Amino acid sequence: MKRWYVVQVYTGYEDRVKADLEKRVQEEKAEELFGKILVPKGEMISAFSEQGAAKEKIFPGYLLIHMEMVGEAHRIVVNVPRFTRFLGGESPMALTDREVERIFNQIEGGLSVSIDSTQYAVGGEVHITGGPFSGFVGVVERVDDEHERVTVMVSIFGRMTPVELGFDQVKV
């Protein structure tokens, strides 16, 4: 079964490594072991440039390879010039479906919504899991869906103090 794997290559040589790998796959007649080979690029708009949008690498120094992780396919990838390593090292780890979806959304210019903001209600109690207030419990004062932030009132030295946190730093 083909899965998506991440390969680290020399930065700046992503397109060259992709071309070399595709050529080697054809030479070794191993097309059935490989699917797409991608250099993750997305449309970026520079605030300082008058040129508008341009395709830029989202993850410089990395390739995404849809392949079956069998000995022959692994050997082909490892022997490509400018290959550094598979993510996961000795035992390469395939990306989860959620990670693949998030990466493809970035490539297509879409947004990846990871956390449902409706779980945070004003007046509700939350546990802080990240940042300097990790381990504290607070009460939600304001929810900012657009920026994925929540303002929580935390008791510090006996006084209620507002703390602004990301959705990923709190849990219900």
N, C-alpha and C. Protein backbone atom coordinates (compact mmCIF):
# COMPACT_ATOMS: atom_id res chain seq x y z
N MET A 1 0.84 -1.18 0.00
CA MET A 1 0.00 0.00 0.00
C MET A 1 0.89 1.24 0.00
N LYS A 2 0.58 2.16 -0.89
CA LYS A 2 1.36 3.39 -0.98
C LYS A 2 0.93 4.36 0.11
N ARG A 3 1.94 4.98 0.72
CA ARG A 3 1.73 5.99 1.76
C ARG A 3 2.62 7.18 1.44
N TRP A 4 2.36 8.32 2.07
CA TRP A 4 3.17 9.52 1.87
C TRP A 4 4.31 9.54 2.88
N TYR A 5 5.52 9.77 2.37
CA TYR A 5 6.71 9.87 3.21
C TYR A 5 7.39 11.20 2.94
N VAL A 6 8.09 11.71 3.95
CA VAL A 6 8.83 12.96 3.82
C VAL A 6 10.31 12.63 3.74
N VAL A 7 10.97 13.23 2.76
CA VAL A 7 12.40 13.02 2.54
C VAL A 7 13.11 14.36 2.67
N GLN A 8 14.18 14.38 3.44
CA GLN A 8 14.99 15.59 3.55
C GLN A 8 16.09 15.54 2.50
N VAL A 9 16.24 16.66 1.78
CA VAL A 9 17.26 16.78 0.73
C VAL A 9 18.02 18.08 0.94
N TYR A 10 19.08 18.27 0.15
CA TYR A 10 19.83 19.52 0.25
C TYR A 10 18.91 20.68 -0.12
N THR A 11 18.88 21.72 0.70
CA THR A 11 18.05 22.88 0.43
C THR A 11 18.51 23.55 -0.85
N GLY A 12 17.54 23.88 -1.69
CA GLY A 12 17.84 24.51 -2.97
C GLY A 12 17.92 23.51 -4.12
N TYR A 13 17.98 22.23 -3.80
CA TYR A 13 18.09 21.19 -4.82
C TYR A 13 16.83 20.32 -4.90
N GLU A 14 15.73 20.79 -4.34
CA GLU A 14 14.52 19.98 -4.28
C GLU A 14 14.05 19.54 -5.67
N ASP A 15 13.98 20.49 -6.62
CA ASP A 15 13.51 20.16 -7.97
C ASP A 15 14.47 19.20 -8.67
N ARG A 16 15.75 19.39 -8.44
CA ARG A 16 16.76 18.54 -9.06
C ARG A 16 16.68 17.10 -8.51
N VAL A 17 16.51 16.97 -7.20
CA VAL A 17 16.38 15.65 -6.59
C VAL A 17 15.11 14.96 -7.09
N LYS A 18 14.03 15.73 -7.23
CA LYS A 18 12.78 15.17 -7.74
C LYS A 18 12.99 14.61 -9.15
N ALA A 19 13.63 15.40 -10.01
CA ALA A 19 13.89 14.96 -11.38
C ALA A 19 14.79 13.72 -11.40
N ASP A 20 15.84 13.72 -10.59
CA ASP A 20 16.75 12.57 -10.52
C ASP A 20 16.02 11.31 -10.03
N LEU A 21 15.15 11.47 -9.04
CA LEU A 21 14.41 10.34 -8.50
C LEU A 21 13.43 9.79 -9.54
N GLU A 22 12.72 10.68 -10.22
CA GLU A 22 11.79 10.22 -11.26
C GLU A 22 12.52 9.47 -12.37
N LYS A 23 13.70 9.97 -12.75
CA LYS A 23 14.51 9.32 -13.79
C LYS A 23 14.96 7.93 -13.33
N ARG A 24 15.41 7.85 -12.07
CA ARG A 24 15.90 6.58 -11.54
C ARG A 24 14.77 5.55 -11.42
N VAL A 25 13.57 6.01 -11.05
CA VAL A 25 12.42 5.11 -10.95
C VAL A 25 12.11 4.52 -12.32
N GLN A 26 12.17 5.34 -13.38
CA GLN A 26 11.92 4.84 -14.74
C GLN A 26 13.02 3.88 -15.18
N GLU A 27 14.27 4.22 -14.90
CA GLU A 27 15.39 3.36 -15.29
C GLU A 27 15.30 1.98 -14.65
N GLU A 28 14.85 1.94 -13.40
CA GLU A 28 14.78 0.67 -12.67
C GLU A 28 13.42 -0.02 -12.85
N LYS A 29 12.56 0.59 -13.66
CA LYS A 29 11.22 0.04 -13.94
C LYS A 29 10.46 -0.26 -12.64
N ALA A 30 10.45 0.73 -11.75
CA ALA A 30 9.79 0.57 -10.45
C ALA A 30 8.60 1.51 -10.31
N GLU A 31 7.96 1.85 -11.43
CA GLU A 31 6.84 2.79 -11.40
C GLU A 31 5.69 2.32 -10.51
N GLU A 32 5.49 0.99 -10.41
CA GLU A 32 4.39 0.46 -9.61
C GLU A 32 4.61 0.69 -8.11
N LEU A 33 5.84 0.96 -7.69
CA LEU A 33 6.13 1.21 -6.28
C LEU A 33 5.98 2.68 -5.89
N PHE A 34 5.94 3.55 -6.89
CA PHE A 34 5.90 4.99 -6.62
C PHE A 34 4.66 5.64 -7.20
N GLY A 35 4.17 6.64 -6.50
CA GLY A 35 3.09 7.48 -6.99
C GLY A 35 3.68 8.84 -7.31
N LYS A 36 3.09 9.87 -6.76
CA LYS A 36 3.56 11.23 -7.00
C LYS A 36 4.80 11.54 -6.15
N ILE A 37 5.63 12.40 -6.71
CA ILE A 37 6.78 12.95 -5.99
C ILE A 37 6.59 14.45 -6.05
N LEU A 38 6.46 15.10 -4.90
CA LEU A 38 6.13 16.52 -4.86
C LEU A 38 7.17 17.36 -4.14
N VAL A 39 7.39 18.55 -4.68
CA VAL A 39 8.10 19.60 -3.96
C VAL A 39 6.98 20.51 -3.47
N PRO A 40 6.69 20.51 -2.16
CA PRO A 40 5.56 21.30 -1.68
C PRO A 40 5.76 22.79 -1.91
N LYS A 41 4.96 23.34 -2.83
CA LYS A 41 5.02 24.78 -3.15
C LYS A 41 3.63 25.35 -3.00
N GLY A 42 3.57 26.56 -2.50
CA GLY A 42 2.30 27.24 -2.35
C GLY A 42 2.43 28.67 -2.83
N GLU A 43 1.30 29.32 -3.03
CA GLU A 43 1.31 30.69 -3.50
C GLU A 43 1.52 31.61 -2.31
N MET A 44 2.56 32.41 -2.38
CA MET A 44 2.87 33.34 -1.30
C MET A 44 2.75 34.76 -1.83
N ILE A 45 2.20 35.64 -1.03
CA ILE A 45 2.09 37.04 -1.42
C ILE A 45 2.96 37.84 -0.48
N SER A 46 3.92 38.57 -1.05
CA SER A 46 4.82 39.37 -0.24
C SER A 46 4.23 40.76 -0.05
N ALA A 47 4.23 41.23 1.18
CA ALA A 47 3.71 42.56 1.47
C ALA A 47 4.64 43.65 0.95
N PHE A 48 5.90 43.31 0.70
CA PHE A 48 6.87 44.31 0.29
C PHE A 48 7.15 44.28 -1.21
N SER A 49 6.56 43.35 -1.91
CA SER A 49 6.83 43.19 -3.33
C SER A 49 5.65 43.68 -4.15
N GLU A 50 5.94 44.28 -5.30
CA GLU A 50 4.88 44.74 -6.18
C GLU A 50 4.54 43.68 -7.21
N GLN A 51 5.24 42.56 -7.20
CA GLN A 51 5.05 41.52 -8.19
C GLN A 51 3.79 40.70 -7.93
N GLY A 52 3.23 40.77 -6.75
CA GLY A 52 2.05 39.98 -6.44
C GLY A 52 2.41 38.61 -5.91
N ALA A 53 1.58 37.63 -6.26
CA ALA A 53 1.76 36.27 -5.75
C ALA A 53 2.81 35.52 -6.54
N ALA A 54 3.55 34.67 -5.85
CA ALA A 54 4.57 33.83 -6.50
C ALA A 54 4.57 32.47 -5.83
N LYS A 55 4.91 31.43 -6.60
CA LYS A 55 5.00 30.08 -6.02
C LYS A 55 6.31 29.97 -5.26
N GLU A 56 6.24 29.63 -4.00
CA GLU A 56 7.43 29.44 -3.18
C GLU A 56 7.33 28.10 -2.45
N LYS A 57 8.47 27.57 -2.07
CA LYS A 57 8.49 26.30 -1.35
C LYS A 57 7.93 26.50 0.05
N ILE A 58 7.00 25.64 0.42
CA ILE A 58 6.41 25.71 1.76
C ILE A 58 7.37 25.10 2.77
N PHE A 59 8.02 23.98 2.38
CA PHE A 59 8.96 23.30 3.26
C PHE A 59 10.30 23.16 2.54
N PRO A 60 11.13 24.21 2.53
CA PRO A 60 12.42 24.12 1.84
C PRO A 60 13.25 22.96 2.40
N GLY A 61 13.86 22.19 1.49
CA GLY A 61 14.70 21.08 1.90
C GLY A 61 13.97 19.77 2.07
N TYR A 62 12.69 19.72 1.67
CA TYR A 62 11.92 18.49 1.83
C TYR A 62 11.14 18.14 0.56
N LEU A 63 10.95 16.84 0.35
CA LEU A 63 10.10 16.31 -0.72
C LEU A 63 9.04 15.42 -0.09
N LEU A 64 7.90 15.33 -0.75
CA LEU A 64 6.86 14.38 -0.36
C LEU A 64 6.85 13.28 -1.41
N ILE A 65 6.91 12.04 -0.97
CA ILE A 65 6.93 10.91 -1.91
C ILE A 65 5.82 9.94 -1.55
N HIS A 66 4.97 9.65 -2.54
CA HIS A 66 3.91 8.65 -2.36
C HIS A 66 4.48 7.33 -2.87
N MET A 67 4.73 6.40 -1.96
CA MET A 67 5.43 5.18 -2.33
C MET A 67 5.09 4.03 -1.41
N GLU A 68 5.40 2.83 -1.88
CA GLU A 68 5.33 1.64 -1.03
C GLU A 68 6.69 1.52 -0.35
N MET A 69 6.69 1.36 0.95
CA MET A 69 7.94 1.26 1.68
C MET A 69 8.41 -0.20 1.68
N VAL A 70 9.03 -0.58 0.58
CA VAL A 70 9.63 -1.91 0.45
C VAL A 70 11.12 -1.70 0.19
N GLY A 71 11.90 -2.74 0.35
CA GLY A 71 13.35 -2.63 0.23
C GLY A 71 13.83 -1.99 -1.06
N GLU A 72 13.27 -2.41 -2.20
CA GLU A 72 13.72 -1.88 -3.49
C GLU A 72 13.42 -0.38 -3.61
N ALA A 73 12.21 0.04 -3.22
CA ALA A 73 11.85 1.46 -3.30
C ALA A 73 12.71 2.29 -2.35
N HIS A 74 12.94 1.77 -1.16
CA HIS A 74 13.78 2.47 -0.18
C HIS A 74 15.19 2.66 -0.74
N ARG A 75 15.73 1.62 -1.34
CA ARG A 75 17.08 1.68 -1.90
C ARG A 75 17.17 2.73 -3.02
N ILE A 76 16.16 2.78 -3.87
CA ILE A 76 16.16 3.75 -4.97
C ILE A 76 16.21 5.18 -4.42
N VAL A 77 15.38 5.47 -3.43
CA VAL A 77 15.34 6.83 -2.86
C VAL A 77 16.64 7.17 -2.16
N VAL A 78 17.15 6.25 -1.35
CA VAL A 78 18.37 6.51 -0.57
C VAL A 78 19.58 6.75 -1.46
N ASN A 79 19.63 6.14 -2.64
CA ASN A 79 20.78 6.27 -3.52
C ASN A 79 20.71 7.46 -4.48
N VAL A 80 19.70 8.31 -4.35
CA VAL A 80 19.61 9.50 -5.19
C VAL A 80 20.59 10.54 -4.65
N PRO A 81 21.37 11.19 -5.54
CA PRO A 81 22.28 12.24 -5.07
C PRO A 81 21.53 13.37 -4.35
N ARG A 82 22.16 13.92 -3.35
CA ARG A 82 21.65 15.02 -2.53
C ARG A 82 20.51 14.62 -1.59
N PHE A 83 20.29 13.33 -1.44
CA PHE A 83 19.33 12.80 -0.46
C PHE A 83 20.01 12.88 0.90
N THR A 84 19.28 13.32 1.92
CA THR A 84 19.83 13.37 3.27
C THR A 84 19.29 12.23 4.12
N ARG A 85 17.96 12.20 4.29
CA ARG A 85 17.36 11.14 5.11
C ARG A 85 15.84 11.17 4.97
N PHE A 86 15.23 10.04 5.37
CA PHE A 86 13.79 9.97 5.53
C PHE A 86 13.46 10.54 6.90
N LEU A 87 12.31 11.20 7.03
CA LEU A 87 11.86 11.58 8.36
C LEU A 87 11.51 10.29 9.10
N GLY A 88 12.05 10.12 10.26
CA GLY A 88 11.87 8.88 11.01
C GLY A 88 13.17 8.09 11.09
N GLY A 89 14.17 8.51 10.29
CA GLY A 89 15.49 7.87 10.35
C GLY A 89 15.51 6.45 9.83
N GLU A 90 16.00 5.52 10.64
CA GLU A 90 16.17 4.13 10.26
C GLU A 90 14.84 3.47 9.85
N SER A 91 13.78 3.82 10.56
CA SER A 91 12.46 3.26 10.22
C SER A 91 11.55 4.42 9.81
N PRO A 92 11.53 4.76 8.51
CA PRO A 92 10.75 5.91 8.03
C PRO A 92 9.29 5.83 8.45
N MET A 93 8.77 6.98 8.85
CA MET A 93 7.38 7.05 9.29
C MET A 93 6.53 7.70 8.21
N ALA A 94 5.41 7.06 7.88
CA ALA A 94 4.48 7.63 6.91
C ALA A 94 3.69 8.75 7.58
N LEU A 95 3.27 9.72 6.77
CA LEU A 95 2.43 10.79 7.28
C LEU A 95 1.03 10.26 7.55
N THR A 96 0.37 10.83 8.54
CA THR A 96 -1.02 10.46 8.82
C THR A 96 -1.90 11.15 7.78
N ASP A 97 -3.13 10.66 7.65
CA ASP A 97 -4.06 11.26 6.70
C ASP A 97 -4.31 12.73 7.03
N ARG A 98 -4.37 13.04 8.30
CA ARG A 98 -4.60 14.43 8.73
C ARG A 98 -3.43 15.34 8.34
N GLU A 99 -2.20 14.84 8.50
CA GLU A 99 -1.02 15.62 8.11
C GLU A 99 -0.99 15.85 6.61
N VAL A 100 -1.31 14.81 5.85
CA VAL A 100 -1.34 14.92 4.39
C VAL A 100 -2.38 15.95 3.97
N GLU A 101 -3.56 15.89 4.57
CA GLU A 101 -4.63 16.85 4.25
C GLU A 101 -4.19 18.28 4.54
N ARG A 102 -3.53 18.48 5.69
CA ARG A 102 -3.07 19.82 6.07
C ARG A 102 -2.04 20.35 5.07
N ILE A 103 -1.12 19.50 4.64
CA ILE A 103 -0.09 19.92 3.69
C ILE A 103 -0.71 20.26 2.34
N PHE A 104 -1.62 19.41 1.86
CA PHE A 104 -2.27 19.70 0.58
C PHE A 104 -3.13 20.95 0.64
N ASN A 105 -3.75 21.23 1.79
CA ASN A 105 -4.48 22.49 1.94
C ASN A 105 -3.55 23.68 1.84
N GLN A 106 -2.35 23.57 2.41
CA GLN A 106 -1.38 24.66 2.31
C GLN A 106 -0.92 24.84 0.86
N ILE A 107 -0.71 23.74 0.15
CA ILE A 107 -0.28 23.82 -1.24
C ILE A 107 -1.35 24.49 -2.09
N GLU A 108 -2.62 24.15 -1.83
CA GLU A 108 -3.72 24.70 -2.62
C GLU A 108 -4.13 26.08 -2.15
N GLY A 109 -3.57 26.55 -1.05
CA GLY A 109 -3.89 27.88 -0.55
C GLY A 109 -5.09 27.89 0.38
N GLY A 110 -5.55 26.73 0.77
CA GLY A 110 -6.69 26.64 1.68
C GLY A 110 -6.25 26.78 3.12
N LEU A 111 -7.21 26.84 3.99
CA LEU A 111 -6.92 26.94 5.41
C LEU A 111 -7.12 25.58 6.04
N SER A 112 -6.29 25.28 7.00
CA SER A 112 -6.43 24.03 7.74
C SER A 112 -7.01 24.35 9.10
N VAL A 113 -8.24 23.96 9.32
CA VAL A 113 -8.88 24.23 10.59
C VAL A 113 -8.66 23.00 11.47
N SER A 114 -7.88 23.19 12.52
CA SER A 114 -7.51 22.05 13.32
C SER A 114 -8.33 21.90 14.59
N ILE A 115 -8.85 23.00 15.09
CA ILE A 115 -9.54 22.93 16.37
C ILE A 115 -10.91 23.59 16.23
N ASP A 116 -11.92 22.96 16.78
CA ASP A 116 -13.28 23.49 16.74
C ASP A 116 -13.43 24.51 17.85
N SER A 117 -13.66 25.77 17.47
CA SER A 117 -13.73 26.84 18.47
C SER A 117 -15.02 26.78 19.28
N THR A 118 -16.03 26.05 18.80
CA THR A 118 -17.30 26.01 19.52
C THR A 118 -17.17 25.31 20.87
N GLN A 119 -16.06 24.62 21.09
CA GLN A 119 -15.88 23.96 22.38
C GLN A 119 -15.56 24.95 23.48
N TYR A 120 -15.18 26.18 23.12
CA TYR A 120 -14.87 27.21 24.12
C TYR A 120 -16.04 28.17 24.23
N ALA A 121 -16.64 28.21 25.42
CA ALA A 121 -17.78 29.09 25.66
C ALA A 121 -17.40 30.11 26.73
N VAL A 122 -17.86 31.35 26.55
CA VAL A 122 -17.60 32.39 27.54
C VAL A 122 -18.20 31.95 28.87
N GLY A 123 -17.39 32.03 29.91
CA GLY A 123 -17.81 31.59 31.24
C GLY A 123 -17.44 30.15 31.54
N GLY A 124 -16.97 29.42 30.51
CA GLY A 124 -16.58 28.03 30.70
C GLY A 124 -15.18 27.91 31.29
N GLU A 125 -14.94 26.79 31.95
CA GLU A 125 -13.64 26.55 32.58
C GLU A 125 -12.73 25.78 31.62
N VAL A 126 -11.45 26.20 31.54
CA VAL A 126 -10.48 25.52 30.69
C VAL A 126 -9.19 25.26 31.47
N HIS A 127 -8.48 24.23 31.04
CA HIS A 127 -7.17 23.91 31.61
C HIS A 127 -6.12 24.42 30.63
N ILE A 128 -5.13 25.13 31.13
CA ILE A 128 -4.07 25.66 30.28
C ILE A 128 -2.99 24.58 30.16
N THR A 129 -2.67 24.22 28.90
CA THR A 129 -1.74 23.11 28.66
C THR A 129 -0.41 23.57 28.09
N GLY A 130 -0.29 24.84 27.73
CA GLY A 130 0.96 25.32 27.14
C GLY A 130 1.28 26.73 27.58
N GLY A 131 2.54 27.10 27.46
CA GLY A 131 2.97 28.44 27.81
C GLY A 131 3.35 28.56 29.27
N PRO A 132 3.60 29.79 29.73
CA PRO A 132 4.07 29.99 31.10
C PRO A 132 3.02 29.69 32.17
N PHE A 133 1.75 29.62 31.77
CA PHE A 133 0.68 29.35 32.74
C PHE A 133 0.19 27.90 32.67
N SER A 134 1.01 27.04 32.09
CA SER A 134 0.66 25.62 31.96
C SER A 134 0.36 25.04 33.34
N GLY A 135 -0.76 24.33 33.44
CA GLY A 135 -1.16 23.74 34.71
C GLY A 135 -2.22 24.57 35.43
N PHE A 136 -2.41 25.82 35.04
CA PHE A 136 -3.42 26.67 35.65
C PHE A 136 -4.80 26.32 35.09
N VAL A 137 -5.82 26.67 35.83
CA VAL A 137 -7.20 26.55 35.39
C VAL A 137 -7.76 27.96 35.33
N GLY A 138 -8.52 28.28 34.28
CA GLY A 138 -9.06 29.61 34.15
C GLY A 138 -10.47 29.60 33.59
N VAL A 139 -11.06 30.79 33.52
CA VAL A 139 -12.42 30.96 33.02
C VAL A 139 -12.34 31.77 31.72
N VAL A 140 -13.02 31.29 30.69
CA VAL A 140 -12.99 31.94 29.38
C VAL A 140 -13.74 33.26 29.47
N GLU A 141 -13.06 34.34 29.04
CA GLU A 141 -13.69 35.66 29.02
C GLU A 141 -14.07 36.06 27.61
N ARG A 142 -13.23 35.70 26.62
CA ARG A 142 -13.51 36.09 25.23
C ARG A 142 -12.91 35.05 24.29
N VAL A 143 -13.61 34.77 23.17
CA VAL A 143 -13.14 33.83 22.16
C VAL A 143 -12.99 34.58 20.84
N ASP A 144 -11.80 34.51 20.24
CA ASP A 144 -11.52 35.15 18.95
C ASP A 144 -11.32 34.05 17.91
N ASP A 145 -12.43 33.70 17.21
CA ASP A 145 -12.38 32.63 16.21
C ASP A 145 -11.44 32.95 15.06
N GLU A 146 -11.43 34.19 14.63
CA GLU A 146 -10.63 34.57 13.47
C GLU A 146 -9.14 34.33 13.68
N HIS A 147 -8.63 34.66 14.85
CA HIS A 147 -7.21 34.50 15.15
C HIS A 147 -6.91 33.25 15.98
N GLU A 148 -7.95 32.44 16.24
CA GLU A 148 -7.81 31.23 17.04
C GLU A 148 -7.16 31.51 18.39
N ARG A 149 -7.70 32.51 19.08
CA ARG A 149 -7.19 32.91 20.39
C ARG A 149 -8.35 32.94 21.38
N VAL A 150 -8.03 32.76 22.64
CA VAL A 150 -9.02 32.82 23.70
C VAL A 150 -8.41 33.61 24.87
N THR A 151 -9.22 34.49 25.47
CA THR A 151 -8.77 35.24 26.64
C THR A 151 -9.33 34.53 27.87
N VAL A 152 -8.43 34.17 28.77
CA VAL A 152 -8.80 33.39 29.96
C VAL A 152 -8.44 34.19 31.20
N MET A 153 -9.35 34.22 32.18
CA MET A 153 -9.07 34.88 33.45
C MET A 153 -8.44 33.84 34.38
N VAL A 154 -7.21 34.16 34.84
CA VAL A 154 -6.45 33.26 35.69
C VAL A 154 -6.16 33.96 37.01
N SER A 155 -6.24 33.22 38.10
CA SER A 155 -5.94 33.78 39.41
C SER A 155 -4.43 33.73 39.64
N ILE A 156 -3.81 34.93 39.68
CA ILE A 156 -2.37 35.03 39.93
C ILE A 156 -2.19 35.90 41.18
N PHE A 157 -1.59 35.34 42.20
CA PHE A 157 -1.39 36.02 43.49
C PHE A 157 -2.70 36.56 44.03
N GLY A 158 -3.78 35.80 43.85
CA GLY A 158 -5.07 36.17 44.42
C GLY A 158 -5.86 37.16 43.59
N ARG A 159 -5.34 37.56 42.43
CA ARG A 159 -6.06 38.50 41.56
C ARG A 159 -6.37 37.84 40.23
N MET A 160 -7.55 38.11 39.71
CA MET A 160 -7.93 37.58 38.40
C MET A 160 -7.24 38.42 37.33
N THR A 161 -6.46 37.75 36.49
CA THR A 161 -5.67 38.40 35.45
C THR A 161 -6.02 37.80 34.10
N PRO A 162 -6.27 38.65 33.09
CA PRO A 162 -6.57 38.12 31.75
C PRO A 162 -5.29 37.65 31.06
N VAL A 163 -5.36 36.47 30.46
CA VAL A 163 -4.24 35.88 29.73
C VAL A 163 -4.74 35.47 28.34
N GLU A 164 -4.08 35.93 27.29
CA GLU A 164 -4.49 35.57 25.94
C GLU A 164 -3.67 34.37 25.48
N LEU A 165 -4.38 33.33 25.03
CA LEU A 165 -3.75 32.08 24.65
C LEU A 165 -4.30 31.60 23.31
N GLY A 166 -3.52 30.75 22.63
CA GLY A 166 -3.99 30.12 21.40
C GLY A 166 -4.88 28.93 21.73
N PHE A 167 -5.73 28.55 20.76
CA PHE A 167 -6.60 27.39 20.97
C PHE A 167 -5.81 26.15 21.31
N ASP A 168 -4.58 26.06 20.79
CA ASP A 168 -3.75 24.87 21.03
C ASP A 168 -3.13 24.86 22.43
N GLN A 169 -3.29 25.95 23.20
CA GLN A 169 -2.70 26.02 24.53
C GLN A 169 -3.71 25.76 25.65
N VAL A 170 -4.98 25.51 25.29
CA VAL A 170 -6.00 25.26 26.30
C VAL A 170 -6.83 24.04 25.89
N LYS A 171 -7.43 23.41 26.90
CA LYS A 171 -8.38 22.33 26.62
C LYS A 171 -9.50 22.39 27.64
N VAL A 172 -10.66 21.88 27.22
CA VAL A 172 -11.84 21.94 28.09
C VAL A 172 -11.74 20.91 29.18
